[in-house]
Amino acid sequence: MNRAQTVIDFGVGAGVFIIAVGVVFAFVPAIFEPFSGAASSTPVVADRAVDHLSGSLLAADPAAPGTLSPACTAAFMNATNVSGADCGFDAATPATELLGIGDREVNVTLRHPADPPRTGPPVDGSDLDSVAFDGPLTREAGGSTPTDVTVSSRIVSIEDSQYRLVVKVW
């Protein structure tokens, strides 16, 4: 029995084709969205900055990322070099330059893990036993008021105590 394509066969095929084209047009822009260069999208920058801080810049040992050196952390947050500490960076260098984030502005804060990452108070430097530093462990580069802020954080260890290292980029 030879039979040609019926109207129903044609309708089903055309319907499946139209749905497939619609799905492609709906999802292709979302595939490329993480790579768009919009000025307000900074999650990659914030994530890279907090990784750099916790993994190498402030790390006590590069083989153990997430374990921060108290002296280097105090030096970075206070923007002054601590005597006797071999941190591998000049603390007086602007934070944006140390983190390689260009013309964006940044706030780096050390918080207790139980506090909210966006609004919790910074850890006081007197909480660190091995460093003589009083004052909040926070550093900000930039004077503008943030309107669109991206926050990234990591749980870190300093002197066997857990803290949350929070980086805000705008």
C-alpha atoms as a PDB file:
ATOM      1  CA  MET A   1       0.000   0.000   0.000  1.00  0.00           C
ATOM      2  CA  ASN A   2       1.518   3.280  -1.114  1.00  0.00           C
ATOM      3  CA  ARG A   3       0.275   6.277   0.649  1.00  0.00           C
ATOM      4  CA  ALA A   4       1.497   9.834   0.586  1.00  0.00           C
ATOM      5  CA  GLN A   5       1.944  12.213   3.467  1.00  0.00           C
ATOM      6  CA  THR A   6      -1.391  13.107   4.948  1.00  0.00           C
ATOM      7  CA  VAL A   7      -2.449  16.487   6.260  1.00  0.00           C
ATOM      8  CA  ILE A   8      -2.184  15.230   9.842  1.00  0.00           C
ATOM      9  CA  ASP A   9       1.404  14.065   9.293  1.00  0.00           C
ATOM     10  CA  PHE A  10       2.301  17.443   7.828  1.00  0.00           C
ATOM     11  CA  GLY A  11       0.628  19.315  10.722  1.00  0.00           C
ATOM     12  CA  VAL A  12       2.430  17.291  13.385  1.00  0.00           C
ATOM     13  CA  GLY A  13       5.806  17.758  11.668  1.00  0.00           C
ATOM     14  CA  ALA A  14       5.298  21.490  11.186  1.00  0.00           C
ATOM     15  CA  GLY A  15       4.163  21.853  14.830  1.00  0.00           C
ATOM     16  CA  VAL A  16       7.216  20.052  16.182  1.00  0.00           C
ATOM     17  CA  PHE A  17       9.453  22.206  13.965  1.00  0.00           C
ATOM     18  CA  ILE A  18       7.835  25.465  15.167  1.00  0.00           C
ATOM     19  CA  ILE A  19       8.180  24.407  18.834  1.00  0.00           C
ATOM     20  CA  ALA A  20      11.856  23.474  18.315  1.00  0.00           C
ATOM     21  CA  VAL A  21      12.609  26.840  16.690  1.00  0.00           C
ATOM     22  CA  GLY A  22      10.799  28.640  19.530  1.00  0.00           C
ATOM     23  CA  VAL A  23      12.819  26.803  22.162  1.00  0.00           C
ATOM     24  CA  VAL A  24      16.074  27.671  20.400  1.00  0.00           C
ATOM     25  CA  PHE A  25      15.159  31.366  20.172  1.00  0.00           C
ATOM     26  CA  ALA A  26      14.102  31.377  23.836  1.00  0.00           C
ATOM     27  CA  PHE A  27      17.252  29.762  25.272  1.00  0.00           C
ATOM     28  CA  VAL A  28      20.133  30.855  23.035  1.00  0.00           C
ATOM     29  CA  PRO A  29      20.345  34.400  24.515  1.00  0.00           C
ATOM     30  CA  ALA A  30      20.467  32.927  28.040  1.00  0.00           C
ATOM     31  CA  ILE A  31      23.413  30.723  27.057  1.00  0.00           C
ATOM     32  CA  PHE A  32      25.574  33.764  26.257  1.00  0.00           C
ATOM     33  CA  GLU A  33      24.375  35.972  29.142  1.00  0.00           C
ATOM     34  CA  PRO A  34      27.214  35.084  31.585  1.00  0.00           C
ATOM     35  CA  PHE A  35      29.708  36.326  29.006  1.00  0.00           C
ATOM     36  CA  SER A  36      28.034  39.646  28.277  1.00  0.00           C
ATOM     37  CA  GLY A  37      30.035  42.688  29.276  1.00  0.00           C
ATOM     38  CA  ALA A  38      27.288  44.584  31.058  1.00  0.00           C
ATOM     39  CA  ALA A  39      28.640  47.059  33.591  1.00  0.00           C
ATOM     40  CA  SER A  40      26.239  45.936  36.276  1.00  0.00           C
ATOM     41  CA  SER A  41      27.059  42.230  36.079  1.00  0.00           C
ATOM     42  CA  THR A  42      30.001  41.631  38.391  1.00  0.00           C
ATOM     43  CA  PRO A  43      29.498  38.170  39.931  1.00  0.00           C
ATOM     44  CA  VAL A  44      32.546  36.784  38.155  1.00  0.00           C
ATOM     45  CA  VAL A  45      34.682  39.701  39.372  1.00  0.00           C
ATOM     46  CA  ALA A  46      33.521  39.356  42.993  1.00  0.00           C
ATOM     47  CA  ASP A  47      33.982  35.587  42.947  1.00  0.00           C
ATOM     48  CA  ARG A  48      37.450  35.855  41.431  1.00  0.00           C
ATOM     49  CA  ALA A  49      38.457  38.519  43.984  1.00  0.00           C
ATOM     50  CA  VAL A  50      37.367  36.470  47.011  1.00  0.00           C
ATOM     51  CA  ASP A  51      39.095  33.380  45.563  1.00  0.00           C
ATOM     52  CA  HIS A  52      42.306  35.355  45.071  1.00  0.00           C
ATOM     53  CA  LEU A  53      42.175  36.689  48.631  1.00  0.00           C
ATOM     54  CA  SER A  54      41.396  33.380  50.329  1.00  0.00           C
ATOM     55  CA  GLY A  55      43.525  31.213  48.061  1.00  0.00           C
ATOM     56  CA  SER A  56      46.744  33.134  47.626  1.00  0.00           C
ATOM     57  CA  LEU A  57      46.984  36.780  48.708  1.00  0.00           C
ATOM     58  CA  LEU A  58      46.057  36.331  52.376  1.00  0.00           C
ATOM     59  CA  ALA A  59      46.655  32.582  52.651  1.00  0.00           C
ATOM     60  CA  ALA A  60      49.072  31.421  55.325  1.00  0.00           C
ATOM     61  CA  ASP A  61      50.119  28.558  53.044  1.00  0.00           C
ATOM     62  CA  PRO A  62      49.183  28.363  49.343  1.00  0.00           C
ATOM     63  CA  ALA A  63      48.839  24.589  49.746  1.00  0.00           C
ATOM     64  CA  ALA A  64      46.024  25.195  52.265  1.00  0.00           C
ATOM     65  CA  PRO A  65      43.700  27.781  50.724  1.00  0.00           C
ATOM     66  CA  GLY A  66      41.136  29.180  53.112  1.00  0.00           C
ATOM     67  CA  THR A  67      43.557  29.297  56.053  1.00  0.00           C
ATOM     68  CA  LEU A  68      44.507  32.953  56.287  1.00  0.00           C
ATOM     69  CA  SER A  69      47.605  34.500  57.806  1.00  0.00           C
ATOM     70  CA  PRO A  70      46.567  36.784  60.692  1.00  0.00           C
ATOM     71  CA  ALA A  71      49.409  39.212  59.992  1.00  0.00           C
ATOM     72  CA  CYS A  72      48.696  39.459  56.254  1.00  0.00           C
ATOM     73  CA  THR A  73      44.956  39.783  56.870  1.00  0.00           C
ATOM     74  CA  ALA A  74      45.523  42.634  59.341  1.00  0.00           C
ATOM     75  CA  ALA A  75      48.000  44.277  56.954  1.00  0.00           C
ATOM     76  CA  PHE A  76      45.568  44.081  54.024  1.00  0.00           C
ATOM     77  CA  MET A  77      42.591  45.348  56.011  1.00  0.00           C
ATOM     78  CA  ASN A  78      44.555  48.185  57.643  1.00  0.00           C
ATOM     79  CA  ALA A  79      46.379  49.074  54.391  1.00  0.00           C
ATOM     80  CA  THR A  80      49.700  49.208  56.268  1.00  0.00           C
ATOM     81  CA  ASN A  81      52.487  46.648  56.250  1.00  0.00           C
ATOM     82  CA  VAL A  82      52.981  44.592  59.418  1.00  0.00           C
ATOM     83  CA  SER A  83      56.588  44.279  60.547  1.00  0.00           C
ATOM     84  CA  GLY A  84      57.982  40.771  60.315  1.00  0.00           C
ATOM     85  CA  ALA A  85      55.189  39.507  58.042  1.00  0.00           C
ATOM     86  CA  ASP A  86      56.170  38.183  54.617  1.00  0.00           C
ATOM     87  CA  CYS A  87      52.895  38.746  52.806  1.00  0.00           C
ATOM     88  CA  GLY A  88      54.125  39.096  49.240  1.00  0.00           C
ATOM     89  CA  PHE A  89      52.244  42.355  48.660  1.00  0.00           C
ATOM     90  CA  ASP A  90      52.539  45.994  49.612  1.00  0.00           C
ATOM     91  CA  ALA A  91      49.526  46.729  51.812  1.00  0.00           C
ATOM     92  CA  ALA A  92      49.580  50.400  50.804  1.00  0.00           C
ATOM     93  CA  THR A  93      48.719  49.411  47.217  1.00  0.00           C
ATOM     94  CA  PRO A  94      45.041  50.106  46.435  1.00  0.00           C
ATOM     95  CA  ALA A  95      42.800  47.078  46.955  1.00  0.00           C
ATOM     96  CA  THR A  96      41.462  47.305  43.390  1.00  0.00           C
ATOM     97  CA  GLU A  97      45.018  46.971  42.080  1.00  0.00           C
ATOM     98  CA  LEU A  98      45.895  44.079  44.416  1.00  0.00           C
ATOM     99  CA  LEU A  99      42.753  42.231  43.327  1.00  0.00           C
ATOM    100  CA  GLY A 100      43.074  43.162  39.638  1.00  0.00           C
ATOM    101  CA  ILE A 101      39.510  44.413  39.268  1.00  0.00           C
ATOM    102  CA  GLY A 102      40.239  47.552  37.290  1.00  0.00           C
ATOM    103  CA  ASP A 103      37.921  50.534  37.574  1.00  0.00           C
ATOM    104  CA  ARG A 104      35.314  48.849  39.785  1.00  0.00           C
ATOM    105  CA  GLU A 105      35.059  49.593  43.474  1.00  0.00           C
ATOM    106  CA  VAL A 106      35.376  46.995  46.215  1.00  0.00           C
ATOM    107  CA  ASN A 107      34.702  46.395  49.901  1.00  0.00           C
ATOM    108  CA  VAL A 108      36.423  43.501  51.678  1.00  0.00           C
ATOM    109  CA  THR A 109      35.177  42.572  55.148  1.00  0.00           C
ATOM    110  CA  LEU A 110      35.854  39.766  57.594  1.00  0.00           C
ATOM    111  CA  ARG A 111      32.694  38.717  59.468  1.00  0.00           C
ATOM    112  CA  HIS A 112      31.641  36.030  61.911  1.00  0.00           C
ATOM    113  CA  PRO A 113      29.984  33.123  60.062  1.00  0.00           C
ATOM    114  CA  ALA A 114      26.736  33.437  62.035  1.00  0.00           C
ATOM    115  CA  ASP A 115      26.250  37.073  60.937  1.00  0.00           C
ATOM    116  CA  PRO A 116      24.504  37.932  57.660  1.00  0.00           C
ATOM    117  CA  PRO A 117      27.097  38.231  54.871  1.00  0.00           C
ATOM    118  CA  ARG A 118      25.701  41.497  53.518  1.00  0.00           C
ATOM    119  CA  THR A 119      24.962  43.430  56.693  1.00  0.00           C
ATOM    120  CA  GLY A 120      26.773  41.780  59.604  1.00  0.00           C
ATOM    121  CA  PRO A 121      29.317  43.801  61.581  1.00  0.00           C
ATOM    122  CA  PRO A 122      32.991  43.286  60.743  1.00  0.00           C
ATOM    123  CA  VAL A 123      35.247  41.291  63.059  1.00  0.00           C
ATOM    124  CA  ASP A 124      37.286  43.474  65.405  1.00  0.00           C
ATOM    125  CA  GLY A 125      41.039  43.155  64.995  1.00  0.00           C
ATOM    126  CA  SER A 126      41.445  42.557  68.719  1.00  0.00           C
ATOM    127  CA  ASP A 127      39.851  39.104  68.155  1.00  0.00           C
ATOM    128  CA  LEU A 128      43.081  37.983  66.496  1.00  0.00           C
ATOM    129  CA  ASP A 129      45.504  36.864  69.193  1.00  0.00           C
ATOM    130  CA  SER A 130      48.732  36.991  67.224  1.00  0.00           C
ATOM    131  CA  VAL A 131      48.363  40.504  65.774  1.00  0.00           C
ATOM    132  CA  ALA A 132      48.248  43.798  67.632  1.00  0.00           C
ATOM    133  CA  PHE A 133      45.510  45.439  65.559  1.00  0.00           C
ATOM    134  CA  ASP A 134      42.431  47.101  66.979  1.00  0.00           C
ATOM    135  CA  GLY A 135      39.632  48.169  64.719  1.00  0.00           C
ATOM    136  CA  PRO A 136      37.231  46.616  62.258  1.00  0.00           C
ATOM    137  CA  LEU A 137      38.701  44.173  59.749  1.00  0.00           C
ATOM    138  CA  THR A 138      37.311  45.836  56.649  1.00  0.00           C
ATOM    139  CA  ARG A 139      38.790  47.664  53.670  1.00  0.00           C
ATOM    140  CA  GLU A 140      37.012  49.697  51.039  1.00  0.00           C
ATOM    141  CA  ALA A 141      38.356  51.081  47.796  1.00  0.00           C
ATOM    142  CA  GLY A 142      36.198  53.751  46.269  1.00  0.00           C
ATOM    143  CA  GLY A 143      34.084  56.539  47.594  1.00  0.00           C
ATOM    144  CA  SER A 144      30.913  56.297  45.558  1.00  0.00           C
ATOM    145  CA  THR A 145      27.658  55.042  46.962  1.00  0.00           C
ATOM    146  CA  PRO A 146      26.963  51.574  45.565  1.00  0.00           C
ATOM    147  CA  THR A 147      23.749  51.108  43.619  1.00  0.00           C
ATOM    148  CA  ASP A 148      24.221  47.640  42.133  1.00  0.00           C
ATOM    149  CA  VAL A 149      26.376  45.480  44.422  1.00  0.00           C
ATOM    150  CA  THR A 150      27.511  41.898  43.854  1.00  0.00           C
ATOM    151  CA  VAL A 151      28.522  39.958  46.966  1.00  0.00           C
ATOM    152  CA  SER A 152      30.677  36.846  47.123  1.00  0.00           C
ATOM    153  CA  SER A 153      31.977  35.159  50.261  1.00  0.00           C
ATOM    154  CA  ARG A 154      34.089  32.261  51.507  1.00  0.00           C
ATOM    155  CA  ILE A 155      34.379  30.630  54.903  1.00  0.00           C
ATOM    156  CA  VAL A 156      37.996  30.977  56.031  1.00  0.00           C
ATOM    157  CA  SER A 157      40.018  30.010  59.068  1.00  0.00           C
ATOM    158  CA  ILE A 158      42.288  32.287  61.071  1.00  0.00           C
ATOM    159  CA  GLU A 159      43.994  30.945  64.210  1.00  0.00           C
ATOM    160  CA  ASP A 160      41.660  27.914  64.209  1.00  0.00           C
ATOM    161  CA  SER A 161      38.546  30.137  64.256  1.00  0.00           C
ATOM    162  CA  GLN A 162      36.022  30.287  61.428  1.00  0.00           C
ATOM    163  CA  TYR A 163      35.217  33.607  59.737  1.00  0.00           C
ATOM    164  CA  ARG A 164      33.414  34.703  56.579  1.00  0.00           C
ATOM    165  CA  LEU A 165      35.480  36.688  54.064  1.00  0.00           C
ATOM    166  CA  VAL A 166      33.026  38.899  52.149  1.00  0.00           C
ATOM    167  CA  VAL A 167      33.829  40.817  48.968  1.00  0.00           C
ATOM    168  CA  LYS A 168      31.378  43.374  47.579  1.00  0.00           C
ATOM    169  CA  VAL A 169      31.989  44.752  44.085  1.00  0.00           C
ATOM    170  CA  TRP A 170      30.150  47.615  42.373  1.00  0.00           C
END
